């Protein structure tokens, strides 16, 4: 059976005056189910409030645009109230309860990528809401809720029945939400647009990697992530994850071309990608991208906490490690061609600016 790796856009699951929640569907993007990957996007309008919920999957959240406030409660811990802005990445392990709020005029958009190995449905997240018309306690009888909270029947009905919204609601302009604390960001958030660069190639591109060193909660989530930005016409070297990880890529901005090659040298994807689309590279498949004139950026998760990549071009590529005789025999070329091949791409770069 041939794999369909075609990049896809999300579809709205629910929404209203406060904003919307969209997700990528396993039926349209089969690699989600194949790789046990979930992907979704939350968009909050001004005064939009995503009510407290927890998920059946660990995730990494990435703020695509806007700014706002996030509430995070780890199991048996105190609430952390965090100011979030474009470029922020947050690791959300199993059991964490979150809420999200936008007080600003500009929309707040947040991408969620994660694994669904233990989820109810392979390839998609299931959220459990604490309040609202589909909240957990709407399913319990008044007696059970009253016993759990030690409240009378009238108060229980008021608490459980007053919020008729579902998932996302719009709060009043004068409603005061908790104020974020600067210290609450420590250990929870890293801004990929401000963090030290792991790779910086002049005229080529830049990378910030999220791992257990700069965001310890990544270890609890179980996978790493990175933000990659390449300049106009630049190329991201052909490479693959050599530790059997899947690469899940969301195009944050710009556009470009992508090619993916699988077993038997078969090109399984060749397409033009634009902002907002998502695609998945299977284990050990080789991927390369070339940006359009305006450049291109993408946010990816790799299904291991500290991913290892092998690049097939540049000084550190496997070609430079192999002996000349092996290359001559493998390519069936004479020494002159082998020496010309070896003499190119002698830097450590994984991004290649356009030739001048």
C-alpha atoms as a PDB file:
ATOM      1  CA  UNK A   1       0.000   0.000   0.000  1.00  0.00           C
ATOM      2  CA  UNK A   2       1.392   3.390  -0.995  1.00  0.00           C
ATOM      3  CA  UNK A   3       1.753   6.017   1.704  1.00  0.00           C
ATOM      4  CA  UNK A   4      -0.057   9.304   1.130  1.00  0.00           C
ATOM      5  CA  UNK A   5       2.320  11.975   2.440  1.00  0.00           C
ATOM      6  CA  UNK A   6       0.525  14.936   0.834  1.00  0.00           C
ATOM      7  CA  UNK A   7       0.576  18.005   3.141  1.00  0.00           C
ATOM      8  CA  UNK A   8      -2.853  18.882   4.549  1.00  0.00           C
ATOM      9  CA  UNK A   9      -4.666  21.780   6.227  1.00  0.00           C
ATOM     10  CA  UNK A  10      -6.708  21.332   9.433  1.00  0.00           C
ATOM     11  CA  UNK A  11     -10.507  21.276   9.637  1.00  0.00           C
ATOM     12  CA  UNK A  12     -12.546  23.085  12.281  1.00  0.00           C
ATOM     13  CA  UNK A  13     -13.908  20.800  14.993  1.00  0.00           C
ATOM     14  CA  UNK A  14     -15.865  23.407  16.961  1.00  0.00           C
ATOM     15  CA  UNK A  15     -15.963  27.149  17.495  1.00  0.00           C
ATOM     16  CA  UNK A  16     -17.969  30.256  18.280  1.00  0.00           C
ATOM     17  CA  UNK A  17     -17.642  33.907  19.304  1.00  0.00           C
ATOM     18  CA  UNK A  18     -14.573  33.157  21.417  1.00  0.00           C
ATOM     19  CA  UNK A  19     -12.580  31.311  18.769  1.00  0.00           C
ATOM     20  CA  UNK A  20     -12.184  27.888  17.225  1.00  0.00           C
ATOM     21  CA  UNK A  21     -10.443  24.543  17.558  1.00  0.00           C
ATOM     22  CA  UNK A  22      -9.238  22.755  14.420  1.00  0.00           C
ATOM     23  CA  UNK A  23      -7.498  19.426  13.908  1.00  0.00           C
ATOM     24  CA  UNK A  24      -5.865  17.319  11.243  1.00  0.00           C
ATOM     25  CA  UNK A  25      -7.919  14.222  10.459  1.00  0.00           C
ATOM     26  CA  UNK A  26      -6.347  10.727  10.241  1.00  0.00           C
ATOM     27  CA  UNK A  27      -8.733   9.852   7.417  1.00  0.00           C
ATOM     28  CA  UNK A  28      -7.277  12.671   5.296  1.00  0.00           C
ATOM     29  CA  UNK A  29      -3.682  12.366   6.534  1.00  0.00           C
ATOM     30  CA  UNK A  30      -3.195   8.596   7.017  1.00  0.00           C
ATOM     31  CA  UNK A  31       0.323   8.979   8.447  1.00  0.00           C
ATOM     32  CA  UNK A  32      -1.239  10.429  11.614  1.00  0.00           C
ATOM     33  CA  UNK A  33      -2.816   7.072  12.408  1.00  0.00           C
ATOM     34  CA  UNK A  34       0.128   5.114  11.000  1.00  0.00           C
ATOM     35  CA  UNK A  35       2.586   6.993  13.207  1.00  0.00           C
ATOM     36  CA  UNK A  36       0.288   7.591  16.199  1.00  0.00           C
ATOM     37  CA  UNK A  37       0.606  11.365  15.859  1.00  0.00           C
ATOM     38  CA  UNK A  38      -1.932  14.044  16.748  1.00  0.00           C
ATOM     39  CA  UNK A  39      -2.023  17.619  15.450  1.00  0.00           C
ATOM     40  CA  UNK A  40      -4.423  20.463  16.236  1.00  0.00           C
ATOM     41  CA  UNK A  41      -4.681  24.239  16.365  1.00  0.00           C
ATOM     42  CA  UNK A  42      -6.426  26.579  18.817  1.00  0.00           C
ATOM     43  CA  UNK A  43      -7.413  30.088  17.669  1.00  0.00           C
ATOM     44  CA  UNK A  44      -8.752  32.527  20.267  1.00  0.00           C
ATOM     45  CA  UNK A  45     -10.331  35.869  19.420  1.00  0.00           C
ATOM     46  CA  UNK A  46     -10.193  38.793  21.842  1.00  0.00           C
ATOM     47  CA  UNK A  47     -11.570  37.718  25.259  1.00  0.00           C
ATOM     48  CA  UNK A  48     -11.721  34.147  24.031  1.00  0.00           C
ATOM     49  CA  UNK A  49     -11.275  31.590  26.843  1.00  0.00           C
ATOM     50  CA  UNK A  50     -10.473  27.921  26.282  1.00  0.00           C
ATOM     51  CA  UNK A  51     -11.928  26.340  29.428  1.00  0.00           C
ATOM     52  CA  UNK A  52      -9.822  24.020  31.634  1.00  0.00           C
ATOM     53  CA  UNK A  53      -9.217  20.622  30.052  1.00  0.00           C
ATOM     54  CA  UNK A  54      -6.810  17.692  30.003  1.00  0.00           C
ATOM     55  CA  UNK A  55      -5.874  15.412  27.144  1.00  0.00           C
ATOM     56  CA  UNK A  56      -5.262  11.731  26.490  1.00  0.00           C
ATOM     57  CA  UNK A  57      -1.936  12.567  24.822  1.00  0.00           C
ATOM     58  CA  UNK A  58       1.320  14.363  25.673  1.00  0.00           C
ATOM     59  CA  UNK A  59       1.869  17.429  23.475  1.00  0.00           C
ATOM     60  CA  UNK A  60       4.142  20.301  22.622  1.00  0.00           C
ATOM     61  CA  UNK A  61       2.371  23.640  22.152  1.00  0.00           C
ATOM     62  CA  UNK A  62       3.835  26.336  19.896  1.00  0.00           C
ATOM     63  CA  UNK A  63       2.445  29.888  19.755  1.00  0.00           C
ATOM     64  CA  UNK A  64       2.065  30.761  16.075  1.00  0.00           C
ATOM     65  CA  UNK A  65       0.823  34.309  16.513  1.00  0.00           C
ATOM     66  CA  UNK A  66      -0.485  36.774  19.080  1.00  0.00           C
ATOM     67  CA  UNK A  67      -0.055  36.825  22.833  1.00  0.00           C
ATOM     68  CA  UNK A  68      -2.138  35.792  25.809  1.00  0.00           C
ATOM     69  CA  UNK A  69      -2.223  33.836  29.046  1.00  0.00           C
ATOM     70  CA  UNK A  70      -1.970  30.130  29.773  1.00  0.00           C
ATOM     71  CA  UNK A  71      -2.847  28.303  32.961  1.00  0.00           C
ATOM     72  CA  UNK A  72      -0.972  25.052  33.605  1.00  0.00           C
ATOM     73  CA  UNK A  73      -1.552  22.610  36.469  1.00  0.00           C
ATOM     74  CA  UNK A  74       0.676  19.551  36.691  1.00  0.00           C
ATOM     75  CA  UNK A  75      -0.731  16.608  38.709  1.00  0.00           C
ATOM     76  CA  UNK A  76      -0.892  17.533  42.408  1.00  0.00           C
ATOM     77  CA  UNK A  77       0.917  20.847  41.795  1.00  0.00           C
ATOM     78  CA  UNK A  78      -0.085  24.491  42.061  1.00  0.00           C
ATOM     79  CA  UNK A  79      -1.366  26.425  39.055  1.00  0.00           C
ATOM     80  CA  UNK A  80       1.207  28.234  36.935  1.00  0.00           C
ATOM     81  CA  UNK A  81      -0.126  31.336  35.192  1.00  0.00           C
ATOM     82  CA  UNK A  82       2.112  32.150  32.246  1.00  0.00           C
ATOM     83  CA  UNK A  83       2.238  35.005  29.767  1.00  0.00           C
ATOM     84  CA  UNK A  84       2.678  33.544  26.295  1.00  0.00           C
ATOM     85  CA  UNK A  85       3.649  35.145  22.999  1.00  0.00           C
ATOM     86  CA  UNK A  86       4.607  34.293  19.427  1.00  0.00           C
ATOM     87  CA  UNK A  87       7.499  31.812  19.340  1.00  0.00           C
ATOM     88  CA  UNK A  88       6.822  30.286  22.766  1.00  0.00           C
ATOM     89  CA  UNK A  89       6.956  26.512  23.052  1.00  0.00           C
ATOM     90  CA  UNK A  90       5.472  24.635  26.012  1.00  0.00           C
ATOM     91  CA  UNK A  91       5.811  20.939  26.868  1.00  0.00           C
ATOM     92  CA  UNK A  92       2.522  19.429  28.112  1.00  0.00           C
ATOM     93  CA  UNK A  93       2.952  15.915  29.596  1.00  0.00           C
ATOM     94  CA  UNK A  94       0.215  13.441  30.504  1.00  0.00           C
ATOM     95  CA  UNK A  95      -2.190  14.612  33.209  1.00  0.00           C
ATOM     96  CA  UNK A  96      -1.604  18.346  32.843  1.00  0.00           C
ATOM     97  CA  UNK A  97      -4.693  20.580  33.026  1.00  0.00           C
ATOM     98  CA  UNK A  98      -4.550  23.706  30.883  1.00  0.00           C
ATOM     99  CA  UNK A  99      -6.601  26.782  30.068  1.00  0.00           C
ATOM    100  CA  UNK A 100      -5.895  29.543  27.532  1.00  0.00           C
ATOM    101  CA  UNK A 101      -7.048  33.177  27.342  1.00  0.00           C
ATOM    102  CA  UNK A 102      -6.617  36.037  24.888  1.00  0.00           C
ATOM    103  CA  UNK A 103      -7.143  39.606  26.135  1.00  0.00           C
ATOM    104  CA  UNK A 104      -5.598  41.228  23.060  1.00  0.00           C
ATOM    105  CA  UNK A 105      -7.224  42.504  19.871  1.00  0.00           C
ATOM    106  CA  UNK A 106      -5.095  40.280  17.629  1.00  0.00           C
ATOM    107  CA  UNK A 107      -5.987  36.583  17.426  1.00  0.00           C
ATOM    108  CA  UNK A 108      -3.967  34.120  19.505  1.00  0.00           C
ATOM    109  CA  UNK A 109      -3.086  30.938  17.582  1.00  0.00           C
ATOM    110  CA  UNK A 110      -1.478  27.892  19.180  1.00  0.00           C
ATOM    111  CA  UNK A 111      -0.304  24.711  17.449  1.00  0.00           C
ATOM    112  CA  UNK A 112      -0.393  21.373  19.287  1.00  0.00           C
ATOM    113  CA  UNK A 113       1.663  18.381  18.143  1.00  0.00           C
ATOM    114  CA  UNK A 114       1.966  15.133  20.072  1.00  0.00           C
ATOM    115  CA  UNK A 115       1.905  11.351  20.255  1.00  0.00           C
ATOM    116  CA  UNK A 116      -1.272   9.269  20.484  1.00  0.00           C
ATOM    117  CA  UNK A 117       0.133   5.832  21.402  1.00  0.00           C
ATOM    118  CA  UNK A 118      -2.063   5.738  24.523  1.00  0.00           C
ATOM    119  CA  UNK A 119      -4.909   7.842  23.137  1.00  0.00           C
ATOM    120  CA  UNK A 120      -8.479   6.648  22.700  1.00  0.00           C
ATOM    121  CA  UNK A 121      -8.185   7.131  18.939  1.00  0.00           C
ATOM    122  CA  UNK A 122      -4.935   6.682  17.020  1.00  0.00           C
ATOM    123  CA  UNK A 123      -3.938   9.847  15.198  1.00  0.00           C
ATOM    124  CA  UNK A 124      -6.062  12.345  17.104  1.00  0.00           C
ATOM    125  CA  UNK A 125      -6.293  14.020  20.498  1.00  0.00           C
ATOM    126  CA  UNK A 126      -9.271  13.611  22.803  1.00  0.00           C
ATOM    127  CA  UNK A 127      -9.706  16.438  25.296  1.00  0.00           C
ATOM    128  CA  UNK A 128     -11.680  16.095  28.520  1.00  0.00           C
ATOM    129  CA  UNK A 129     -13.279  19.369  29.610  1.00  0.00           C
ATOM    130  CA  UNK A 130     -13.762  20.182  33.275  1.00  0.00           C
ATOM    131  CA  UNK A 131     -16.657  22.606  32.677  1.00  0.00           C
ATOM    132  CA  UNK A 132     -19.170  23.531  29.999  1.00  0.00           C
ATOM    133  CA  UNK A 133     -22.006  21.700  28.260  1.00  0.00           C
ATOM    134  CA  UNK A 134     -19.674  18.762  27.560  1.00  0.00           C
ATOM    135  CA  UNK A 135     -17.789  18.976  30.853  1.00  0.00           C
ATOM    136  CA  UNK A 136     -16.969  15.888  32.909  1.00  0.00           C
ATOM    137  CA  UNK A 137     -19.399  16.716  35.701  1.00  0.00           C
ATOM    138  CA  UNK A 138     -22.399  17.031  33.402  1.00  0.00           C
ATOM    139  CA  UNK A 139     -22.229  13.245  33.144  1.00  0.00           C
ATOM    140  CA  UNK A 140     -22.414  12.597  36.870  1.00  0.00           C
ATOM    141  CA  UNK A 141     -25.667  12.707  38.782  1.00  0.00           C
ATOM    142  CA  UNK A 142     -26.378  15.593  41.144  1.00  0.00           C
ATOM    143  CA  UNK A 143     -26.001  13.166  44.037  1.00  0.00           C
ATOM    144  CA  UNK A 144     -22.498  12.083  43.018  1.00  0.00           C
ATOM    145  CA  UNK A 145     -21.316  15.640  42.387  1.00  0.00           C
ATOM    146  CA  UNK A 146     -22.812  16.844  45.646  1.00  0.00           C
ATOM    147  CA  UNK A 147     -21.088  14.081  47.589  1.00  0.00           C
ATOM    148  CA  UNK A 148     -17.758  14.746  45.834  1.00  0.00           C
ATOM    149  CA  UNK A 149     -17.806  18.513  46.456  1.00  0.00           C
ATOM    150  CA  UNK A 150     -19.813  18.483  49.722  1.00  0.00           C
ATOM    151  CA  UNK A 151     -22.424  20.852  48.268  1.00  0.00           C
ATOM    152  CA  UNK A 152     -26.219  20.997  48.315  1.00  0.00           C
ATOM    153  CA  UNK A 153     -28.257  20.134  45.236  1.00  0.00           C
ATOM    154  CA  UNK A 154     -29.099  23.740  44.320  1.00  0.00           C
ATOM    155  CA  UNK A 155     -25.461  24.839  44.358  1.00  0.00           C
ATOM    156  CA  UNK A 156     -24.417  21.794  42.329  1.00  0.00           C
ATOM    157  CA  UNK A 157     -26.981  22.586  39.618  1.00  0.00           C
ATOM    158  CA  UNK A 158     -25.737  26.178  39.495  1.00  0.00           C
ATOM    159  CA  UNK A 159     -22.086  25.156  39.179  1.00  0.00           C
ATOM    160  CA  UNK A 160     -22.622  22.414  36.633  1.00  0.00           C
ATOM    161  CA  UNK A 161     -25.376  24.004  34.555  1.00  0.00           C
ATOM    162  CA  UNK A 162     -24.488  27.696  34.322  1.00  0.00           C
ATOM    163  CA  UNK A 163     -21.754  27.393  31.697  1.00  0.00           C
ATOM    164  CA  UNK A 164     -23.567  26.417  28.496  1.00  0.00           C
ATOM    165  CA  UNK A 165     -20.568  27.014  26.226  1.00  0.00           C
ATOM    166  CA  UNK A 166     -18.524  24.156  24.801  1.00  0.00           C
ATOM    167  CA  UNK A 167     -14.713  24.169  24.898  1.00  0.00           C
ATOM    168  CA  UNK A 168     -14.266  27.854  24.035  1.00  0.00           C
ATOM    169  CA  UNK A 169     -16.308  30.774  25.364  1.00  0.00           C
ATOM    170  CA  UNK A 170     -16.098  34.562  25.126  1.00  0.00           C
ATOM    171  CA  UNK A 171     -15.725  36.405  28.418  1.00  0.00           C
ATOM    172  CA  UNK A 172     -16.979  39.890  29.179  1.00  0.00           C
ATOM    173  CA  UNK A 173     -14.643  42.786  28.504  1.00  0.00           C
ATOM    174  CA  UNK A 174     -14.519  43.673  32.217  1.00  0.00           C
ATOM    175  CA  UNK A 175     -13.885  40.144  33.487  1.00  0.00           C
ATOM    176  CA  UNK A 176     -10.547  39.935  35.286  1.00  0.00           C
ATOM    177  CA  UNK A 177      -8.449  36.830  34.711  1.00  0.00           C
ATOM    178  CA  UNK A 178      -5.412  35.875  36.855  1.00  0.00           C
ATOM    179  CA  UNK A 179      -2.290  37.878  36.125  1.00  0.00           C
ATOM    180  CA  UNK A 180       0.711  35.907  34.856  1.00  0.00           C
ATOM    181  CA  UNK A 181       3.890  35.652  36.918  1.00  0.00           C
ATOM    182  CA  UNK A 182       7.295  36.014  35.278  1.00  0.00           C
ATOM    183  CA  UNK A 183       8.800  33.279  37.452  1.00  0.00           C
ATOM    184  CA  UNK A 184       6.124  30.794  36.352  1.00  0.00           C
ATOM    185  CA  UNK A 185       7.689  30.614  32.875  1.00  0.00           C
ATOM    186  CA  UNK A 186      10.857  29.005  34.264  1.00  0.00           C
ATOM    187  CA  UNK A 187      11.081  25.375  33.238  1.00  0.00           C
ATOM    188  CA  UNK A 188       7.795  25.493  31.336  1.00  0.00           C
ATOM    189  CA  UNK A 189       8.411  27.741  28.344  1.00  0.00           C
ATOM    190  CA  UNK A 190      11.187  28.457  25.867  1.00  0.00           C
ATOM    191  CA  UNK A 191      10.826  31.106  23.184  1.00  0.00           C
ATOM    192  CA  UNK A 192      12.211  29.688  19.951  1.00  0.00           C
ATOM    193  CA  UNK A 193      12.603  33.142  18.401  1.00  0.00           C
ATOM    194  CA  UNK A 194      14.769  34.393  21.286  1.00  0.00           C
ATOM    195  CA  UNK A 195      16.630  31.269  22.438  1.00  0.00           C
ATOM    196  CA  UNK A 196      20.314  30.685  21.592  1.00  0.00           C
ATOM    197  CA  UNK A 197      20.661  29.197  18.126  1.00  0.00           C
ATOM    198  CA  UNK A 198      21.816  25.597  17.798  1.00  0.00           C
ATOM    199  CA  UNK A 199      22.624  26.161  14.115  1.00  0.00           C
ATOM    200  CA  UNK A 200      23.288  29.517  12.424  1.00  0.00           C
ATOM    201  CA  UNK A 201      24.414  29.530   8.785  1.00  0.00           C
ATOM    202  CA  UNK A 202      24.855  33.011   7.304  1.00  0.00           C
ATOM    203  CA  UNK A 203      22.545  33.389   4.332  1.00  0.00           C
ATOM    204  CA  UNK A 204      21.352  29.819   4.858  1.00  0.00           C
ATOM    205  CA  UNK A 205      19.254  29.183   7.931  1.00  0.00           C
ATOM    206  CA  UNK A 206      18.866  28.895  11.695  1.00  0.00           C
ATOM    207  CA  UNK A 207      17.682  26.186  14.092  1.00  0.00           C
ATOM    208  CA  UNK A 208      16.552  26.126  17.716  1.00  0.00           C
ATOM    209  CA  UNK A 209      16.183  22.617  19.157  1.00  0.00           C
ATOM    210  CA  UNK A 210      13.934  21.797  22.108  1.00  0.00           C
ATOM    211  CA  UNK A 211      15.332  18.959  24.175  1.00  0.00           C
ATOM    212  CA  UNK A 212      15.783  17.846  27.763  1.00  0.00           C
ATOM    213  CA  UNK A 213      18.643  20.330  28.249  1.00  0.00           C
ATOM    214  CA  UNK A 214      16.785  23.572  27.577  1.00  0.00           C
ATOM    215  CA  UNK A 215      13.256  22.376  28.448  1.00  0.00           C
ATOM    216  CA  UNK A 216      13.371  19.501  30.969  1.00  0.00           C
ATOM    217  CA  UNK A 217       9.652  18.717  30.621  1.00  0.00           C
ATOM    218  CA  UNK A 218      10.445  17.446  27.113  1.00  0.00           C
ATOM    219  CA  UNK A 219      11.690  14.302  28.863  1.00  0.00           C
ATOM    220  CA  UNK A 220       8.220  13.719  30.348  1.00  0.00           C
ATOM    221  CA  UNK A 221       6.526  14.421  27.031  1.00  0.00           C
ATOM    222  CA  UNK A 222       8.744  11.851  25.308  1.00  0.00           C
ATOM    223  CA  UNK A 223       9.704  13.676  22.107  1.00  0.00           C
ATOM    224  CA  UNK A 224      11.760  16.651  20.976  1.00  0.00           C
ATOM    225  CA  UNK A 225      10.965  19.601  18.723  1.00  0.00           C
ATOM    226  CA  UNK A 226      12.676  22.317  16.722  1.00  0.00           C
ATOM    227  CA  UNK A 227      12.028  25.564  14.893  1.00  0.00           C
ATOM    228  CA  UNK A 228      13.840  25.893  11.571  1.00  0.00           C
ATOM    229  CA  UNK A 229      14.078  29.070   9.499  1.00  0.00           C
ATOM    230  CA  UNK A 230      15.764  29.078   6.081  1.00  0.00           C
ATOM    231  CA  UNK A 231      16.425  32.110   3.914  1.00  0.00           C
ATOM    232  CA  UNK A 232      15.166  32.696   0.403  1.00  0.00           C
ATOM    233  CA  UNK A 233      16.253  30.082  -2.168  1.00  0.00           C
ATOM    234  CA  UNK A 234      18.266  28.229   0.516  1.00  0.00           C
ATOM    235  CA  UNK A 235      18.241  24.459   0.803  1.00  0.00           C
ATOM    236  CA  UNK A 236      17.922  22.233   3.860  1.00  0.00           C
ATOM    237  CA  UNK A 237      20.333  19.339   3.322  1.00  0.00           C
ATOM    238  CA  UNK A 238      18.859  15.909   2.565  1.00  0.00           C
ATOM    239  CA  UNK A 239      18.758  13.990   5.833  1.00  0.00           C
ATOM    240  CA  UNK A 240      16.940  11.443   7.946  1.00  0.00           C
ATOM    241  CA  UNK A 241      16.345  10.577  11.573  1.00  0.00           C
ATOM    242  CA  UNK A 242      18.744   7.751  12.356  1.00  0.00           C
ATOM    243  CA  UNK A 243      17.051   6.732  15.619  1.00  0.00           C
ATOM    244  CA  UNK A 244      13.799   5.508  14.013  1.00  0.00           C
ATOM    245  CA  UNK A 245      11.874   8.694  14.778  1.00  0.00           C
ATOM    246  CA  UNK A 246       9.053  10.196  12.749  1.00  0.00           C
ATOM    247  CA  UNK A 247       9.296  13.847  11.685  1.00  0.00           C
ATOM    248  CA  UNK A 248       6.050  15.847  11.937  1.00  0.00           C
ATOM    249  CA  UNK A 249       6.384  19.229  10.244  1.00  0.00           C
ATOM    250  CA  UNK A 250       4.098  22.280  10.303  1.00  0.00           C
ATOM    251  CA  UNK A 251       4.936  25.149   7.953  1.00  0.00           C
ATOM    252  CA  UNK A 252       4.877  28.288  10.108  1.00  0.00           C
ATOM    253  CA  UNK A 253       5.652  30.847   7.421  1.00  0.00           C
ATOM    254  CA  UNK A 254       6.790  31.310   3.853  1.00  0.00           C
ATOM    255  CA  UNK A 255       6.724  28.566   1.258  1.00  0.00           C
ATOM    256  CA  UNK A 256       8.959  26.263  -0.746  1.00  0.00           C
ATOM    257  CA  UNK A 257       9.457  22.867  -2.304  1.00  0.00           C
ATOM    258  CA  UNK A 258       9.904  19.550  -0.537  1.00  0.00           C
ATOM    259  CA  UNK A 259      11.009  16.119  -1.705  1.00  0.00           C
ATOM    260  CA  UNK A 260      10.901  12.889   0.303  1.00  0.00           C
ATOM    261  CA  UNK A 261      12.621   9.681  -0.829  1.00  0.00           C
ATOM    262  CA  UNK A 262      11.880   6.262   0.637  1.00  0.00           C
ATOM    263  CA  UNK A 263      12.993   2.680   0.111  1.00  0.00           C
ATOM    264  CA  UNK A 264      14.418   1.590  -3.247  1.00  0.00           C
ATOM    265  CA  UNK A 265      15.238   5.192  -4.123  1.00  0.00           C
ATOM    266  CA  UNK A 266      11.572   5.979  -4.759  1.00  0.00           C
ATOM    267  CA  UNK A 267      10.504   9.621  -4.512  1.00  0.00           C
ATOM    268  CA  UNK A 268       7.326   9.391  -2.441  1.00  0.00           C
ATOM    269  CA  UNK A 269       6.607  13.122  -2.180  1.00  0.00           C
ATOM    270  CA  UNK A 270       7.372  16.093  -4.373  1.00  0.00           C
ATOM    271  CA  UNK A 271       5.243  19.146  -3.764  1.00  0.00           C
ATOM    272  CA  UNK A 272       5.060  22.865  -3.060  1.00  0.00           C
ATOM    273  CA  UNK A 273       4.305  23.639   0.583  1.00  0.00           C
ATOM    274  CA  UNK A 274       2.807  26.794   2.085  1.00  0.00           C
ATOM    275  CA  UNK A 275       2.177  28.215   5.566  1.00  0.00           C
ATOM    276  CA  UNK A 276      -0.454  26.341   7.559  1.00  0.00           C
ATOM    277  CA  UNK A 277       0.125  22.912   6.037  1.00  0.00           C
ATOM    278  CA  UNK A 278       1.377  19.828   7.860  1.00  0.00           C
ATOM    279  CA  UNK A 279       3.142  16.712   6.623  1.00  0.00           C
ATOM    280  CA  UNK A 280       4.857  13.688   8.145  1.00  0.00           C
ATOM    281  CA  UNK A 281       8.107  12.003   7.096  1.00  0.00           C
ATOM    282  CA  UNK A 282       8.156   8.247   7.859  1.00  0.00           C
ATOM    283  CA  UNK A 283      10.990   6.587   9.753  1.00  0.00           C
ATOM    284  CA  UNK A 284      14.331   6.559   7.916  1.00  0.00           C
ATOM    285  CA  UNK A 285      12.912   8.341   4.835  1.00  0.00           C
ATOM    286  CA  UNK A 286      15.131  11.159   3.532  1.00  0.00           C
ATOM    287  CA  UNK A 287      13.696  14.675   3.257  1.00  0.00           C
ATOM    288  CA  UNK A 288      15.003  17.921   1.766  1.00  0.00           C
ATOM    289  CA  UNK A 289      13.471  21.368   1.295  1.00  0.00           C
ATOM    290  CA  UNK A 290      14.240  24.460  -0.817  1.00  0.00           C
ATOM    291  CA  UNK A 291      12.701  27.804   0.137  1.00  0.00           C
ATOM    292  CA  UNK A 292      10.944  30.207  -2.193  1.00  0.00           C
ATOM    293  CA  UNK A 293      12.317  33.801  -2.442  1.00  0.00           C
ATOM    294  CA  UNK A 294      10.642  34.913   0.808  1.00  0.00           C
ATOM    295  CA  UNK A 295      12.195  32.055   2.811  1.00  0.00           C
ATOM    296  CA  UNK A 296      10.427  29.402   4.823  1.00  0.00           C
ATOM    297  CA  UNK A 297      10.097  28.360   8.477  1.00  0.00           C
ATOM    298  CA  UNK A 298       8.684  25.257  10.090  1.00  0.00           C
ATOM    299  CA  UNK A 299       8.061  23.784  13.536  1.00  0.00           C
ATOM    300  CA  UNK A 300       8.578  20.046  13.923  1.00  0.00           C
ATOM    301  CA  UNK A 301       8.374  17.352  16.519  1.00  0.00           C
ATOM    302  CA  UNK A 302      10.538  14.245  16.306  1.00  0.00           C
ATOM    303  CA  UNK A 303       9.274  11.219  18.194  1.00  0.00           C
ATOM    304  CA  UNK A 304      12.244  10.885  20.544  1.00  0.00           C
ATOM    305  CA  UNK A 305      13.331  13.322  23.320  1.00  0.00           C
ATOM    306  CA  UNK A 306      16.866  13.869  21.975  1.00  0.00           C
ATOM    307  CA  UNK A 307      16.742  13.193  18.225  1.00  0.00           C
ATOM    308  CA  UNK A 308      19.792  12.349  16.128  1.00  0.00           C
ATOM    309  CA  UNK A 309      19.869  13.236  12.433  1.00  0.00           C
ATOM    310  CA  UNK A 310      22.125  12.066   9.651  1.00  0.00           C
ATOM    311  CA  UNK A 311      22.646  14.536   6.814  1.00  0.00           C
ATOM    312  CA  UNK A 312      23.682  13.372   3.369  1.00  0.00           C
ATOM    313  CA  UNK A 313      25.556  16.512   2.359  1.00  0.00           C
ATOM    314  CA  UNK A 314      28.198  18.664   4.063  1.00  0.00           C
ATOM    315  CA  UNK A 315      31.456  17.933   5.892  1.00  0.00           C
ATOM    316  CA  UNK A 316      29.828  15.720   8.523  1.00  0.00           C
ATOM    317  CA  UNK A 317      27.853  13.659   6.025  1.00  0.00           C
ATOM    318  CA  UNK A 318      28.486   9.956   5.611  1.00  0.00           C
ATOM    319  CA  UNK A 319      30.050  10.605   2.191  1.00  0.00           C
ATOM    320  CA  UNK A 320      32.997  12.386   3.791  1.00  0.00           C
ATOM    321  CA  UNK A 321      33.527   9.488   6.189  1.00  0.00           C
ATOM    322  CA  UNK A 322      33.648   6.770   3.557  1.00  0.00           C
ATOM    323  CA  UNK A 323      37.014   5.992   1.979  1.00  0.00           C
ATOM    324  CA  UNK A 324      37.700   7.162  -1.613  1.00  0.00           C
ATOM    325  CA  UNK A 325      37.888   3.607  -2.921  1.00  0.00           C
ATOM    326  CA  UNK A 326      34.456   2.781  -1.506  1.00  0.00           C
ATOM    327  CA  UNK A 327      32.919   5.847  -3.160  1.00  0.00           C
ATOM    328  CA  UNK A 328      34.592   5.048  -6.496  1.00  0.00           C
ATOM    329  CA  UNK A 329      33.243   1.502  -6.380  1.00  0.00           C
ATOM    330  CA  UNK A 330      29.791   2.473  -5.099  1.00  0.00           C
ATOM    331  CA  UNK A 331      29.233   5.240  -7.662  1.00  0.00           C
ATOM    332  CA  UNK A 332      31.245   3.427 -10.359  1.00  0.00           C
ATOM    333  CA  UNK A 333      33.279   6.572 -11.133  1.00  0.00           C
ATOM    334  CA  UNK A 334      36.955   7.336 -11.627  1.00  0.00           C
ATOM    335  CA  UNK A 335      39.153   9.014  -8.951  1.00  0.00           C
ATOM    336  CA  UNK A 336      38.788  12.469 -10.524  1.00  0.00           C
ATOM    337  CA  UNK A 337      35.010  12.474 -10.186  1.00  0.00           C
ATOM    338  CA  UNK A 338      35.262  11.122  -6.636  1.00  0.00           C
ATOM    339  CA  UNK A 339      37.729  13.876  -5.661  1.00  0.00           C
ATOM    340  CA  UNK A 340      35.482  16.559  -7.172  1.00  0.00           C
ATOM    341  CA  UNK A 341      32.523  15.160  -5.260  1.00  0.00           C
ATOM    342  CA  UNK A 342      34.496  15.014  -1.993  1.00  0.00           C
ATOM    343  CA  UNK A 343      35.851  18.555  -2.429  1.00  0.00           C
ATOM    344  CA  UNK A 344      32.385  20.110  -2.420  1.00  0.00           C
ATOM    345  CA  UNK A 345      30.359  21.048   0.665  1.00  0.00           C
ATOM    346  CA  UNK A 346      33.296  21.051   3.080  1.00  0.00           C
ATOM    347  CA  UNK A 347      31.621  23.056   5.863  1.00  0.00           C
ATOM    348  CA  UNK A 348      29.490  21.755   8.730  1.00  0.00           C
ATOM    349  CA  UNK A 349      26.470  23.503   7.235  1.00  0.00           C
ATOM    350  CA  UNK A 350      23.131  21.721   6.886  1.00  0.00           C
ATOM    351  CA  UNK A 351      21.686  24.733   5.035  1.00  0.00           C
ATOM    352  CA  UNK A 352      23.028  25.736   1.669  1.00  0.00           C
ATOM    353  CA  UNK A 353      22.506  29.302   0.390  1.00  0.00           C
ATOM    354  CA  UNK A 354      21.903  29.695  -3.346  1.00  0.00           C
ATOM    355  CA  UNK A 355      25.028  29.666  -5.519  1.00  0.00           C
ATOM    356  CA  UNK A 356      26.233  33.112  -6.555  1.00  0.00           C
END
